[in-house]
Amino acid sequence: MTVMDDWLTAACAELGLDPAEVPVPTVLDLARDVAHQVLRPGAPVTAYLLGLAVGRGADPGATAARLADLAGTWPIELGGGRGTA
């Protein structure tokens, strides 16, 4: 088991969630895309937004793809430069 697995198991237990339902690679890929293409602090906020949308019934993969596409088209001028805070 990795530290991520341990953390996921503990965090899910704390929140009454099933770790098997957490699409870790999808969330990490989205966070990477936002951090590198928009700005670093946007990554955890976007992950939170993804969680809110999924909690309201959105498909995790499709929603993450929409957000990643948005990040990919984000103008450098609005983001202050790639990956900057």
C-alpha atoms as a PDB file:
ATOM      1  CA  MET A   1       0.000   0.000   0.000  1.00  0.00           C
ATOM      2  CA  THR A   2       1.151   3.530  -0.742  1.00  0.00           C
ATOM      3  CA  VAL A   3       0.795   6.624   1.398  1.00  0.00           C
ATOM      4  CA  MET A   4      -1.942   7.765  -1.019  1.00  0.00           C
ATOM      5  CA  ASP A   5      -3.800   4.488  -0.468  1.00  0.00           C
ATOM      6  CA  ASP A   6      -3.443   4.848   3.296  1.00  0.00           C
ATOM      7  CA  TRP A   7      -4.641   8.466   3.206  1.00  0.00           C
ATOM      8  CA  LEU A   8      -7.545   7.659   0.903  1.00  0.00           C
ATOM      9  CA  THR A   9      -8.657   4.782   3.117  1.00  0.00           C
ATOM     10  CA  ALA A  10      -8.468   6.904   6.279  1.00  0.00           C
ATOM     11  CA  ALA A  11     -10.122   9.972   4.740  1.00  0.00           C
ATOM     12  CA  CYS A  12     -12.925   7.897   3.244  1.00  0.00           C
ATOM     13  CA  ALA A  13     -13.504   6.136   6.554  1.00  0.00           C
ATOM     14  CA  GLU A  14     -13.712   9.517   8.269  1.00  0.00           C
ATOM     15  CA  LEU A  15     -16.318  10.712   5.739  1.00  0.00           C
ATOM     16  CA  GLY A  16     -18.240   7.451   5.360  1.00  0.00           C
ATOM     17  CA  LEU A  17     -17.194   7.035   1.714  1.00  0.00           C
ATOM     18  CA  ASP A  18     -16.073   4.014  -0.295  1.00  0.00           C
ATOM     19  CA  PRO A  19     -12.460   4.426  -1.508  1.00  0.00           C
ATOM     20  CA  ALA A  20     -13.307   2.327  -4.561  1.00  0.00           C
ATOM     21  CA  GLU A  21     -15.600   5.128  -5.737  1.00  0.00           C
ATOM     22  CA  VAL A  22     -12.826   7.740  -5.747  1.00  0.00           C
ATOM     23  CA  PRO A  23     -11.324   8.219  -9.231  1.00  0.00           C
ATOM     24  CA  VAL A  24      -7.872   9.197  -7.942  1.00  0.00           C
ATOM     25  CA  PRO A  25      -6.126   9.324 -11.359  1.00  0.00           C
ATOM     26  CA  THR A  26      -8.915  11.512 -12.758  1.00  0.00           C
ATOM     27  CA  VAL A  27      -8.704  13.975  -9.867  1.00  0.00           C
ATOM     28  CA  LEU A  28      -4.902  14.097  -9.984  1.00  0.00           C
ATOM     29  CA  ASP A  29      -4.855  14.621 -13.745  1.00  0.00           C
ATOM     30  CA  LEU A  30      -7.368  17.460 -13.443  1.00  0.00           C
ATOM     31  CA  ALA A  31      -5.398  19.083 -10.620  1.00  0.00           C
ATOM     32  CA  ARG A  32      -2.210  18.851 -12.699  1.00  0.00           C
ATOM     33  CA  ASP A  33      -3.883  20.417 -15.721  1.00  0.00           C
ATOM     34  CA  VAL A  34      -5.285  23.325 -13.730  1.00  0.00           C
ATOM     35  CA  ALA A  35      -2.065  23.871 -11.773  1.00  0.00           C
ATOM     36  CA  HIS A  36       0.040  23.976 -14.937  1.00  0.00           C
ATOM     37  CA  GLN A  37      -2.341  25.697 -17.333  1.00  0.00           C
ATOM     38  CA  VAL A  38      -4.208  28.140 -15.101  1.00  0.00           C
ATOM     39  CA  LEU A  39      -2.580  28.577 -11.680  1.00  0.00           C
ATOM     40  CA  ARG A  40      -1.486  26.342  -8.808  1.00  0.00           C
ATOM     41  CA  PRO A  41      -4.049  27.467  -6.212  1.00  0.00           C
ATOM     42  CA  GLY A  42      -6.765  26.704  -8.749  1.00  0.00           C
ATOM     43  CA  ALA A  43      -5.994  22.979  -8.544  1.00  0.00           C
ATOM     44  CA  PRO A  44      -7.471  22.210  -5.107  1.00  0.00           C
ATOM     45  CA  VAL A  45     -10.353  24.611  -5.677  1.00  0.00           C
ATOM     46  CA  THR A  46     -11.171  22.900  -8.973  1.00  0.00           C
ATOM     47  CA  ALA A  47     -10.965  19.486  -7.312  1.00  0.00           C
ATOM     48  CA  TYR A  48     -13.466  20.759  -4.745  1.00  0.00           C
ATOM     49  CA  LEU A  49     -15.738  22.008  -7.530  1.00  0.00           C
ATOM     50  CA  LEU A  50     -15.506  18.607  -9.193  1.00  0.00           C
ATOM     51  CA  GLY A  51     -16.543  17.001  -5.906  1.00  0.00           C
ATOM     52  CA  LEU A  52     -19.506  19.337  -5.545  1.00  0.00           C
ATOM     53  CA  ALA A  53     -20.668  18.592  -9.078  1.00  0.00           C
ATOM     54  CA  VAL A  54     -20.265  14.834  -8.609  1.00  0.00           C
ATOM     55  CA  GLY A  55     -22.095  15.037  -5.281  1.00  0.00           C
ATOM     56  CA  ARG A  56     -24.981  16.597  -7.181  1.00  0.00           C
ATOM     57  CA  GLY A  57     -25.052  13.758  -9.671  1.00  0.00           C
ATOM     58  CA  ALA A  58     -22.534  14.710 -12.372  1.00  0.00           C
ATOM     59  CA  ASP A  59     -20.414  12.003 -13.976  1.00  0.00           C
ATOM     60  CA  PRO A  60     -16.866  12.259 -12.542  1.00  0.00           C
ATOM     61  CA  GLY A  61     -15.004  11.460 -15.758  1.00  0.00           C
ATOM     62  CA  ALA A  62     -17.095  13.655 -18.015  1.00  0.00           C
ATOM     63  CA  THR A  63     -17.041  16.555 -15.580  1.00  0.00           C
ATOM     64  CA  ALA A  64     -13.280  16.315 -15.070  1.00  0.00           C
ATOM     65  CA  ALA A  65     -12.820  16.231 -18.849  1.00  0.00           C
ATOM     66  CA  ARG A  66     -14.904  19.389 -19.250  1.00  0.00           C
ATOM     67  CA  LEU A  67     -12.855  21.182 -16.613  1.00  0.00           C
ATOM     68  CA  ALA A  68      -9.566  19.938 -18.090  1.00  0.00           C
ATOM     69  CA  ASP A  69     -10.677  21.177 -21.510  1.00  0.00           C
ATOM     70  CA  LEU A  70     -11.492  24.562 -19.981  1.00  0.00           C
ATOM     71  CA  ALA A  71      -8.058  24.690 -18.346  1.00  0.00           C
ATOM     72  CA  GLY A  72      -6.436  23.747 -21.645  1.00  0.00           C
ATOM     73  CA  THR A  73      -8.014  26.683 -23.403  1.00  0.00           C
ATOM     74  CA  TRP A  74      -7.430  29.169 -20.567  1.00  0.00           C
ATOM     75  CA  PRO A  75      -5.636  32.265 -21.897  1.00  0.00           C
ATOM     76  CA  ILE A  76      -2.164  32.801 -20.476  1.00  0.00           C
ATOM     77  CA  GLU A  77      -3.011  36.478 -19.914  1.00  0.00           C
ATOM     78  CA  LEU A  78      -5.903  35.607 -17.567  1.00  0.00           C
ATOM     79  CA  GLY A  79      -3.942  32.986 -15.670  1.00  0.00           C
ATOM     80  CA  GLY A  80      -0.944  35.231 -15.087  1.00  0.00           C
ATOM     81  CA  GLY A  81       1.321  32.729 -16.817  1.00  0.00           C
ATOM     82  CA  ARG A  82       1.403  28.969 -16.811  1.00  0.00           C
ATOM     83  CA  GLY A  83       1.660  27.478 -13.353  1.00  0.00           C
ATOM     84  CA  THR A  84       2.128  30.702 -11.444  1.00  0.00           C
ATOM     85  CA  ALA A  85       0.325  31.502  -8.246  1.00  0.00           C
END
